[in-house]
């Protein structure tokens, strides 16, 4: 799991990838396995240049980790990503 938060902590990671997670909230909440097993979801996204490396690394980590994880580990990854999505939504609501 360290790869998922190695960009300086979850706060920084949520700030950088949160908007992209939000775009795929339906797939995350529905636990679309393809979303977690491939990083194809970032293809065609307009990613801000300053966030590109973090977003691409996050997607690659998701692909590698989720694809090779056991079922309990996949459950944990799903819960972390869903939690990040919910934290991002809370973060956006607090900014208003």
PDB file of N, CA and C in Angstrom:
ATOM      1  N   UNK A   1       0.804  -1.198   0.000  1.00  0.00           N
ATOM      2  CA  UNK A   1       0.000   0.000   0.000  1.00  0.00           C
ATOM      3  C   UNK A   1       0.840   1.253   0.000  1.00  0.00           C
ATOM      4  N   UNK A   2       2.103   1.157   0.331  1.00  0.00           N
ATOM      5  CA  UNK A   2       2.955   2.332   0.421  1.00  0.00           C
ATOM      6  C   UNK A   2       2.972   3.119  -0.879  1.00  0.00           C
ATOM      7  N   UNK A   3       2.930   2.443  -2.001  1.00  0.00           N
ATOM      8  CA  UNK A   3       2.969   3.115  -3.297  1.00  0.00           C
ATOM      9  C   UNK A   3       1.802   4.084  -3.441  1.00  0.00           C
ATOM     10  N   UNK A   4       0.658   3.722  -2.901  1.00  0.00           N
ATOM     11  CA  UNK A   4      -0.519   4.567  -3.053  1.00  0.00           C
ATOM     12  C   UNK A   4      -0.401   5.883  -2.306  1.00  0.00           C
ATOM     13  N   UNK A   5       0.391   5.924  -1.263  1.00  0.00           N
ATOM     14  CA  UNK A   5       0.482   7.146  -0.472  1.00  0.00           C
ATOM     15  C   UNK A   5       1.896   7.736  -0.455  1.00  0.00           C
ATOM     16  N   UNK A   6       2.776   7.261  -1.316  1.00  0.00           N
ATOM     17  CA  UNK A   6       4.166   7.692  -1.267  1.00  0.00           C
ATOM     18  C   UNK A   6       4.401   9.084  -1.834  1.00  0.00           C
ATOM     19  N   UNK A   7       3.376   9.745  -2.338  1.00  0.00           N
ATOM     20  CA  UNK A   7       3.551  11.071  -2.912  1.00  0.00           C
ATOM     21  C   UNK A   7       3.538  12.162  -1.849  1.00  0.00           C
ATOM     22  N   UNK A   8       3.850  11.828  -0.619  1.00  0.00           N
ATOM     23  CA  UNK A   8       3.909  12.822   0.431  1.00  0.00           C
ATOM     24  C   UNK A   8       2.755  12.735   1.399  1.00  0.00           C
ATOM     25  N   UNK A   9       2.051  11.642   1.382  1.00  0.00           N
ATOM     26  CA  UNK A   9       0.920  11.465   2.289  1.00  0.00           C
ATOM     27  C   UNK A   9      -0.392  11.490   1.535  1.00  0.00           C
ATOM     28  N   UNK A  10      -1.416  10.979   2.167  1.00  0.00           N
ATOM     29  CA  UNK A  10      -2.702  10.877   1.474  1.00  0.00           C
ATOM     30  C   UNK A  10      -3.298  12.225   1.153  1.00  0.00           C
ATOM     31  N   UNK A  11      -3.047  13.253   1.987  1.00  0.00           N
ATOM     32  CA  UNK A  11      -3.591  14.581   1.701  1.00  0.00           C
ATOM     33  C   UNK A  11      -3.117  15.109   0.362  1.00  0.00           C
ATOM     34  N   UNK A  12      -1.825  15.005   0.113  1.00  0.00           N
ATOM     35  CA  UNK A  12      -1.266  15.458  -1.158  1.00  0.00           C
ATOM     36  C   UNK A  12      -1.791  14.604  -2.296  1.00  0.00           C
ATOM     37  N   UNK A  13      -1.851  13.301  -2.075  1.00  0.00           N
ATOM     38  CA  UNK A  13      -2.327  12.399  -3.116  1.00  0.00           C
ATOM     39  C   UNK A  13      -3.782  12.689  -3.457  1.00  0.00           C
ATOM     40  N   UNK A  14      -4.610  12.871  -2.438  1.00  0.00           N
ATOM     41  CA  UNK A  14      -6.026  13.175  -2.685  1.00  0.00           C
ATOM     42  C   UNK A  14      -6.165  14.485  -3.441  1.00  0.00           C
ATOM     43  N   UNK A  15      -5.362  15.463  -3.064  1.00  0.00           N
ATOM     44  CA  UNK A  15      -5.419  16.758  -3.738  1.00  0.00           C
ATOM     45  C   UNK A  15      -5.057  16.617  -5.215  1.00  0.00           C
ATOM     46  N   UNK A  16      -4.099  15.750  -5.529  1.00  0.00           N
ATOM     47  CA  UNK A  16      -3.640  15.611  -6.912  1.00  0.00           C
ATOM     48  C   UNK A  16      -4.497  14.669  -7.752  1.00  0.00           C
ATOM     49  N   UNK A  17      -4.997  13.587  -7.177  1.00  0.00           N
ATOM     50  CA  UNK A  17      -5.762  12.619  -7.971  1.00  0.00           C
ATOM     51  C   UNK A  17      -7.254  12.635  -7.677  1.00  0.00           C
ATOM     52  N   UNK A  18      -7.660  13.383  -6.672  1.00  0.00           N
ATOM     53  CA  UNK A  18      -9.064  13.398  -6.270  1.00  0.00           C
ATOM     54  C   UNK A  18     -10.033  13.742  -7.379  1.00  0.00           C
ATOM     55  N   UNK A  19      -9.703  14.769  -8.150  1.00  0.00           N
ATOM     56  CA  UNK A  19     -10.600  15.176  -9.236  1.00  0.00           C
ATOM     57  C   UNK A  19     -10.749  14.070 -10.271  1.00  0.00           C
ATOM     58  N   UNK A  20      -9.690  13.307 -10.483  1.00  0.00           N
ATOM     59  CA  UNK A  20      -9.747  12.213 -11.450  1.00  0.00           C
ATOM     60  C   UNK A  20     -10.528  11.037 -10.871  1.00  0.00           C
ATOM     61  N   UNK A  21     -10.381  10.800  -9.573  1.00  0.00           N
ATOM     62  CA  UNK A  21     -11.197   9.770  -8.928  1.00  0.00           C
ATOM     63  C   UNK A  21     -12.668  10.162  -8.991  1.00  0.00           C
ATOM     64  N   UNK A  22     -12.941  11.437  -8.793  1.00  0.00           N
ATOM     65  CA  UNK A  22     -14.319  11.924  -8.814  1.00  0.00           C
ATOM     66  C   UNK A  22     -14.967  11.681 -10.177  1.00  0.00           C
ATOM     67  N   UNK A  23     -14.182  11.842 -11.254  1.00  0.00           N
ATOM     68  CA  UNK A  23     -14.713  11.595 -12.604  1.00  0.00           C
ATOM     69  C   UNK A  23     -15.153  10.148 -12.775  1.00  0.00           C
ATOM     70  N   UNK A  24     -14.576   9.257 -11.982  1.00  0.00           N
ATOM     71  CA  UNK A  24     -14.880   7.833 -12.090  1.00  0.00           C
ATOM     72  C   UNK A  24     -15.580   7.313 -10.842  1.00  0.00           C
ATOM     73  N   UNK A  25     -16.294   8.193 -10.172  1.00  0.00           N
ATOM     74  CA  UNK A  25     -16.950   7.797  -8.922  1.00  0.00           C
ATOM     75  C   UNK A  25     -17.929   6.647  -9.113  1.00  0.00           C
ATOM     76  N   UNK A  26     -18.637   6.603 -10.234  1.00  0.00           N
ATOM     77  CA  UNK A  26     -19.585   5.506 -10.471  1.00  0.00           C
ATOM     78  C   UNK A  26     -18.864   4.164 -10.536  1.00  0.00           C
ATOM     79  N   UNK A  27     -17.719   4.129 -11.237  1.00  0.00           N
ATOM     80  CA  UNK A  27     -16.960   2.886 -11.345  1.00  0.00           C
ATOM     81  C   UNK A  27     -16.365   2.486  -9.996  1.00  0.00           C
ATOM     82  N   UNK A  28     -15.947   3.464  -9.212  1.00  0.00           N
ATOM     83  CA  UNK A  28     -15.352   3.175  -7.907  1.00  0.00           C
ATOM     84  C   UNK A  28     -16.418   2.641  -6.960  1.00  0.00           C
ATOM     85  N   UNK A  29     -17.538   3.355  -6.847  1.00  0.00           N
ATOM     86  CA  UNK A  29     -18.600   2.937  -5.929  1.00  0.00           C
ATOM     87  C   UNK A  29     -19.159   1.571  -6.326  1.00  0.00           C
ATOM     88  N   UNK A  30     -19.291   1.329  -7.641  1.00  0.00           N
ATOM     89  CA  UNK A  30     -19.810   0.042  -8.122  1.00  0.00           C
ATOM     90  C   UNK A  30     -18.742  -1.052  -8.071  1.00  0.00           C
ATOM     91  N   UNK A  31     -17.532  -0.668  -7.712  1.00  0.00           N
ATOM     92  CA  UNK A  31     -16.391  -1.581  -7.668  1.00  0.00           C
ATOM     93  C   UNK A  31     -16.185  -2.286  -9.019  1.00  0.00           C
ATOM     94  N   UNK A  32     -16.111  -1.498 -10.052  1.00  0.00           N
ATOM     95  CA  UNK A  32     -15.835  -1.996 -11.392  1.00  0.00           C
ATOM     96  C   UNK A  32     -14.412  -2.549 -11.408  1.00  0.00           C
ATOM     97  N   UNK A  33     -14.302  -3.856 -11.508  1.00  0.00           N
ATOM     98  CA  UNK A  33     -12.991  -4.512 -11.447  1.00  0.00           C
ATOM     99  C   UNK A  33     -12.051  -4.027 -12.545  1.00  0.00           C
ATOM    100  N   UNK A  34     -12.579  -3.712 -13.723  1.00  0.00           N
ATOM    101  CA  UNK A  34     -11.720  -3.227 -14.805  1.00  0.00           C
ATOM    102  C   UNK A  34     -11.060  -1.905 -14.435  1.00  0.00           C
ATOM    103  N   UNK A  35     -11.775  -1.062 -13.712  1.00  0.00           N
ATOM    104  CA  UNK A  35     -11.200   0.203 -13.265  1.00  0.00           C
ATOM    105  C   UNK A  35      -9.969  -0.051 -12.401  1.00  0.00           C
ATOM    106  N   UNK A  36     -10.070  -1.030 -11.523  1.00  0.00           N
ATOM    107  CA  UNK A  36      -8.977  -1.309 -10.601  1.00  0.00           C
ATOM    108  C   UNK A  36      -7.871  -2.146 -11.236  1.00  0.00           C
ATOM    109  N   UNK A  37      -8.195  -2.926 -12.250  1.00  0.00           N
ATOM    110  CA  UNK A  37      -7.201  -3.840 -12.840  1.00  0.00           C
ATOM    111  C   UNK A  37      -6.410  -3.219 -13.974  1.00  0.00           C
ATOM    112  N   UNK A  38      -6.909  -2.175 -14.562  1.00  0.00           N
ATOM    113  CA  UNK A  38      -6.185  -1.543 -15.672  1.00  0.00           C
ATOM    114  C   UNK A  38      -6.044  -0.063 -15.392  1.00  0.00           C
ATOM    115  N   UNK A  39      -5.069   0.526 -16.007  1.00  0.00           N
ATOM    116  CA  UNK A  39      -4.934   1.975 -15.878  1.00  0.00           C
ATOM    117  C   UNK A  39      -5.443   2.664 -17.138  1.00  0.00           C
ATOM    118  N   UNK A  40      -6.254   1.966 -17.907  1.00  0.00           N
ATOM    119  CA  UNK A  40      -6.777   2.523 -19.148  1.00  0.00           C
ATOM    120  C   UNK A  40      -7.706   3.705 -18.912  1.00  0.00           C
ATOM    121  N   UNK A  41      -8.222   3.835 -17.693  1.00  0.00           N
ATOM    122  CA  UNK A  41      -9.144   4.922 -17.414  1.00  0.00           C
ATOM    123  C   UNK A  41      -8.502   6.293 -17.591  1.00  0.00           C
ATOM    124  N   UNK A  42      -7.171   6.386 -17.519  1.00  0.00           N
ATOM    125  CA  UNK A  42      -6.541   7.691 -17.663  1.00  0.00           C
ATOM    126  C   UNK A  42      -6.350   8.080 -19.125  1.00  0.00           C
ATOM    127  N   UNK A  43      -6.470   7.102 -20.033  1.00  0.00           N
ATOM    128  CA  UNK A  43      -6.333   7.429 -21.457  1.00  0.00           C
ATOM    129  C   UNK A  43      -7.428   8.405 -21.865  1.00  0.00           C
ATOM    130  N   UNK A  44      -7.035   9.460 -22.534  1.00  0.00           N
ATOM    131  CA  UNK A  44      -8.002  10.434 -23.005  1.00  0.00           C
ATOM    132  C   UNK A  44      -8.360  11.494 -21.981  1.00  0.00           C
ATOM    133  N   UNK A  45      -7.890  11.355 -20.754  1.00  0.00           N
ATOM    134  CA  UNK A  45      -8.150  12.380 -19.740  1.00  0.00           C
ATOM    135  C   UNK A  45      -7.231  13.568 -19.974  1.00  0.00           C
ATOM    136  N   UNK A  46      -7.756  14.731 -19.769  1.00  0.00           N
ATOM    137  CA  UNK A  46      -6.918  15.915 -19.787  1.00  0.00           C
ATOM    138  C   UNK A  46      -6.370  16.089 -18.379  1.00  0.00           C
ATOM    139  N   UNK A  47      -5.111  15.758 -18.223  1.00  0.00           N
ATOM    140  CA  UNK A  47      -4.468  15.811 -16.916  1.00  0.00           C
ATOM    141  C   UNK A  47      -3.591  17.050 -16.865  1.00  0.00           C
ATOM    142  N   UNK A  48      -3.765  17.830 -15.810  1.00  0.00           N
ATOM    143  CA  UNK A  48      -2.943  19.023 -15.648  1.00  0.00           C
ATOM    144  C   UNK A  48      -1.486  18.608 -15.578  1.00  0.00           C
ATOM    145  N   UNK A  49      -0.638  19.370 -16.241  1.00  0.00           N
ATOM    146  CA  UNK A  49       0.777  19.014 -16.360  1.00  0.00           C
ATOM    147  C   UNK A  49       1.437  18.792 -15.000  1.00  0.00           C
ATOM    148  N   UNK A  50       1.142  19.646 -14.017  1.00  0.00           N
ATOM    149  CA  UNK A  50       1.800  19.507 -12.715  1.00  0.00           C
ATOM    150  C   UNK A  50       1.329  18.276 -11.948  1.00  0.00           C
ATOM    151  N   UNK A  51       0.231  17.674 -12.376  1.00  0.00           N
ATOM    152  CA  UNK A  51      -0.294  16.489 -11.702  1.00  0.00           C
ATOM    153  C   UNK A  51      -0.077  15.220 -12.509  1.00  0.00           C
ATOM    154  N   UNK A  52       0.398  15.352 -13.731  1.00  0.00           N
ATOM    155  CA  UNK A  52       0.483  14.206 -14.643  1.00  0.00           C
ATOM    156  C   UNK A  52       1.288  13.048 -14.068  1.00  0.00           C
ATOM    157  N   UNK A  53       2.451  13.327 -13.520  1.00  0.00           N
ATOM    158  CA  UNK A  53       3.299  12.248 -13.017  1.00  0.00           C
ATOM    159  C   UNK A  53       2.626  11.501 -11.868  1.00  0.00           C
ATOM    160  N   UNK A  54       2.042  12.227 -10.934  1.00  0.00           N
ATOM    161  CA  UNK A  54       1.386  11.587  -9.786  1.00  0.00           C
ATOM    162  C   UNK A  54       0.194  10.759 -10.242  1.00  0.00           C
ATOM    163  N   UNK A  55      -0.625  11.309 -11.150  1.00  0.00           N
ATOM    164  CA  UNK A  55      -1.812  10.603 -11.627  1.00  0.00           C
ATOM    165  C   UNK A  55      -1.409   9.341 -12.381  1.00  0.00           C
ATOM    166  N   UNK A  56      -0.416   9.442 -13.241  1.00  0.00           N
ATOM    167  CA  UNK A  56       0.025   8.270 -14.005  1.00  0.00           C
ATOM    168  C   UNK A  56       0.662   7.221 -13.095  1.00  0.00           C
ATOM    169  N   UNK A  57       1.429   7.659 -12.109  1.00  0.00           N
ATOM    170  CA  UNK A  57       2.026   6.711 -11.162  1.00  0.00           C
ATOM    171  C   UNK A  57       0.949   6.030 -10.320  1.00  0.00           C
ATOM    172  N   UNK A  58      -0.055   6.789  -9.913  1.00  0.00           N
ATOM    173  CA  UNK A  58      -1.164   6.223  -9.150  1.00  0.00           C
ATOM    174  C   UNK A  58      -1.873   5.155  -9.983  1.00  0.00           C
ATOM    175  N   UNK A  59      -2.157   5.478 -11.252  1.00  0.00           N
ATOM    176  CA  UNK A  59      -2.846   4.526 -12.129  1.00  0.00           C
ATOM    177  C   UNK A  59      -2.003   3.267 -12.332  1.00  0.00           C
ATOM    178  N   UNK A  60      -0.711   3.436 -12.549  1.00  0.00           N
ATOM    179  CA  UNK A  60       0.171   2.280 -12.746  1.00  0.00           C
ATOM    180  C   UNK A  60       0.243   1.438 -11.478  1.00  0.00           C
ATOM    181  N   UNK A  61       0.308   2.099 -10.318  1.00  0.00           N
ATOM    182  CA  UNK A  61       0.346   1.363  -9.050  1.00  0.00           C
ATOM    183  C   UNK A  61      -0.941   0.584  -8.850  1.00  0.00           C
ATOM    184  N   UNK A  62      -2.060   1.209  -9.151  1.00  0.00           N
ATOM    185  CA  UNK A  62      -3.349   0.524  -9.028  1.00  0.00           C
ATOM    186  C   UNK A  62      -3.360  -0.729  -9.892  1.00  0.00           C
ATOM    187  N   UNK A  63      -2.929  -0.593 -11.130  1.00  0.00           N
ATOM    188  CA  UNK A  63      -2.906  -1.714 -12.063  1.00  0.00           C
ATOM    189  C   UNK A  63      -2.042  -2.842 -11.517  1.00  0.00           C
ATOM    190  N   UNK A  64      -0.820  -2.524 -11.134  1.00  0.00           N
ATOM    191  CA  UNK A  64       0.127  -3.534 -10.653  1.00  0.00           C
ATOM    192  C   UNK A  64      -0.334  -4.171  -9.354  1.00  0.00           C
ATOM    193  N   UNK A  65      -0.685  -3.363  -8.402  1.00  0.00           N
ATOM    194  CA  UNK A  65      -1.026  -3.874  -7.077  1.00  0.00           C
ATOM    195  C   UNK A  65      -2.333  -4.665  -7.109  1.00  0.00           C
ATOM    196  N   UNK A  66      -3.374  -4.087  -7.691  1.00  0.00           N
ATOM    197  CA  UNK A  66      -4.688  -4.743  -7.657  1.00  0.00           C
ATOM    198  C   UNK A  66      -4.674  -6.050  -8.441  1.00  0.00           C
ATOM    199  N   UNK A  67      -3.988  -6.058  -9.567  1.00  0.00           N
ATOM    200  CA  UNK A  67      -3.971  -7.251 -10.421  1.00  0.00           C
ATOM    201  C   UNK A  67      -3.284  -8.440  -9.758  1.00  0.00           C
ATOM    202  N   UNK A  68      -2.337  -8.176  -8.883  1.00  0.00           N
ATOM    203  CA  UNK A  68      -1.586  -9.255  -8.259  1.00  0.00           C
ATOM    204  C   UNK A  68      -2.015  -9.527  -6.813  1.00  0.00           C
ATOM    205  N   UNK A  69      -2.955  -8.747  -6.324  1.00  0.00           N
ATOM    206  CA  UNK A  69      -3.369  -8.855  -4.918  1.00  0.00           C
ATOM    207  C   UNK A  69      -4.332 -10.021  -4.698  1.00  0.00           C
ATOM    208  N   UNK A  70      -4.313 -10.519  -3.478  1.00  0.00           N
ATOM    209  CA  UNK A  70      -5.293 -11.532  -3.076  1.00  0.00           C
ATOM    210  C   UNK A  70      -6.641 -10.839  -2.878  1.00  0.00           C
ATOM    211  N   UNK A  71      -7.685 -11.600  -2.725  1.00  0.00           N
ATOM    212  CA  UNK A  71      -9.025 -11.037  -2.531  1.00  0.00           C
ATOM    213  C   UNK A  71      -9.079 -10.113  -1.301  1.00  0.00           C
ATOM    214  N   UNK A  72      -8.542 -10.530  -0.151  1.00  0.00           N
ATOM    215  CA  UNK A  72      -8.550  -9.618   1.006  1.00  0.00           C
ATOM    216  C   UNK A  72      -7.766  -8.321   0.735  1.00  0.00           C
ATOM    217  N   UNK A  73      -6.648  -8.439   0.009  1.00  0.00           N
ATOM    218  CA  UNK A  73      -5.868  -7.247  -0.335  1.00  0.00           C
ATOM    219  C   UNK A  73      -6.644  -6.356  -1.311  1.00  0.00           C
ATOM    220  N   UNK A  74      -7.345  -6.972  -2.269  1.00  0.00           N
ATOM    221  CA  UNK A  74      -8.177  -6.189  -3.193  1.00  0.00           C
ATOM    222  C   UNK A  74      -9.276  -5.452  -2.436  1.00  0.00           C
ATOM    223  N   UNK A  75      -9.845  -6.104  -1.436  1.00  0.00           N
ATOM    224  CA  UNK A  75     -10.857  -5.450  -0.608  1.00  0.00           C
ATOM    225  C   UNK A  75     -10.274  -4.226   0.086  1.00  0.00           C
ATOM    226  N   UNK A  76      -9.051  -4.372   0.603  1.00  0.00           N
ATOM    227  CA  UNK A  76      -8.399  -3.269   1.286  1.00  0.00           C
ATOM    228  C   UNK A  76      -8.103  -2.121   0.305  1.00  0.00           C
ATOM    229  N   UNK A  77      -7.618  -2.451  -0.882  1.00  0.00           N
ATOM    230  CA  UNK A  77      -7.333  -1.433  -1.895  1.00  0.00           C
ATOM    231  C   UNK A  77      -8.622  -0.705  -2.275  1.00  0.00           C
ATOM    232  N   UNK A  78      -9.682  -1.473  -2.504  1.00  0.00           N
ATOM    233  CA  UNK A  78     -10.975  -0.869  -2.835  1.00  0.00           C
ATOM    234  C   UNK A  78     -11.410   0.100  -1.737  1.00  0.00           C
ATOM    235  N   UNK A  79     -11.306  -0.334  -0.491  1.00  0.00           N
ATOM    236  CA  UNK A  79     -11.709   0.522   0.622  1.00  0.00           C
ATOM    237  C   UNK A  79     -10.851   1.783   0.712  1.00  0.00           C
ATOM    238  N   UNK A  80      -9.549   1.660   0.435  1.00  0.00           N
ATOM    239  CA  UNK A  80      -8.672   2.831   0.429  1.00  0.00           C
ATOM    240  C   UNK A  80      -9.058   3.816  -0.667  1.00  0.00           C
ATOM    241  N   UNK A  81      -9.280   3.311  -1.881  1.00  0.00           N
ATOM    242  CA  UNK A  81      -9.620   4.187  -3.002  1.00  0.00           C
ATOM    243  C   UNK A  81     -10.985   4.831  -2.784  1.00  0.00           C
ATOM    244  N   UNK A  82     -11.944   4.046  -2.329  1.00  0.00           N
ATOM    245  CA  UNK A  82     -13.267   4.608  -2.042  1.00  0.00           C
ATOM    246  C   UNK A  82     -13.158   5.652  -0.929  1.00  0.00           C
ATOM    247  N   UNK A  83     -12.350   5.379   0.078  1.00  0.00           N
ATOM    248  CA  UNK A  83     -12.124   6.344   1.149  1.00  0.00           C
ATOM    249  C   UNK A  83     -11.489   7.624   0.634  1.00  0.00           C
ATOM    250  N   UNK A  84     -10.535   7.482  -0.299  1.00  0.00           N
ATOM    251  CA  UNK A  84      -9.917   8.666  -0.902  1.00  0.00           C
ATOM    252  C   UNK A  84     -10.946   9.481  -1.662  1.00  0.00           C
ATOM    253  N   UNK A  85     -11.825   8.804  -2.386  1.00  0.00           N
ATOM    254  CA  UNK A  85     -12.882   9.494  -3.117  1.00  0.00           C
ATOM    255  C   UNK A  85     -13.774  10.261  -2.149  1.00  0.00           C
ATOM    256  N   UNK A  86     -14.192   9.612  -1.071  1.00  0.00           N
ATOM    257  CA  UNK A  86     -15.048  10.271  -0.084  1.00  0.00           C
ATOM    258  C   UNK A  86     -14.327  11.426   0.604  1.00  0.00           C
ATOM    259  N   UNK A  87     -13.027  11.253   0.877  1.00  0.00           N
ATOM    260  CA  UNK A  87     -12.237  12.336   1.470  1.00  0.00           C
ATOM    261  C   UNK A  87     -12.147  13.523   0.513  1.00  0.00           C
ATOM    262  N   UNK A  88     -11.988  13.235  -0.769  1.00  0.00           N
ATOM    263  CA  UNK A  88     -11.929  14.314  -1.766  1.00  0.00           C
ATOM    264  C   UNK A  88     -13.254  15.076  -1.805  1.00  0.00           C
ATOM    265  N   UNK A  89     -14.351  14.354  -1.769  1.00  0.00           N
ATOM    266  CA  UNK A  89     -15.669  15.005  -1.786  1.00  0.00           C
ATOM    267  C   UNK A  89     -15.810  15.887  -0.542  1.00  0.00           C
ATOM    268  N   UNK A  90     -15.429  15.366   0.624  1.00  0.00           N
ATOM    269  CA  UNK A  90     -15.465  16.160   1.854  1.00  0.00           C
ATOM    270  C   UNK A  90     -14.568  17.393   1.739  1.00  0.00           C
ATOM    271  N   UNK A  91     -13.390  17.207   1.189  1.00  0.00           N
ATOM    272  CA  UNK A  91     -12.431  18.298   0.997  1.00  0.00           C
ATOM    273  C   UNK A  91     -13.041  19.400   0.139  1.00  0.00           C
ATOM    274  N   UNK A  92     -13.716  19.009  -0.932  1.00  0.00           N
ATOM    275  CA  UNK A  92     -14.356  19.992  -1.820  1.00  0.00           C
ATOM    276  C   UNK A  92     -15.510  20.713  -1.117  1.00  0.00           C
ATOM    277  N   UNK A  93     -16.276  19.976  -0.334  1.00  0.00           N
ATOM    278  CA  UNK A  93     -17.389  20.593   0.382  1.00  0.00           C
ATOM    279  C   UNK A  93     -16.885  21.589   1.434  1.00  0.00           C
ATOM    280  N   UNK A  94     -15.787  21.276   2.083  1.00  0.00           N
ATOM    281  CA  UNK A  94     -15.222  22.169   3.092  1.00  0.00           C
ATOM    282  C   UNK A  94     -14.674  23.445   2.484  1.00  0.00           C
ATOM    283  N   UNK A  95     -14.236  23.376   1.237  1.00  0.00           N
ATOM    284  CA  UNK A  95     -13.699  24.567   0.568  1.00  0.00           C
ATOM    285  C   UNK A  95     -14.783  25.586   0.245  1.00  0.00           C
ATOM    286  N   UNK A  96     -16.020  25.133   0.190  1.00  0.00           N
ATOM    287  CA  UNK A  96     -17.126  26.033  -0.195  1.00  0.00           C
ATOM    288  C   UNK A  96     -17.589  26.867   0.950  1.00  0.00           C
TER     289      UNK A  96
END
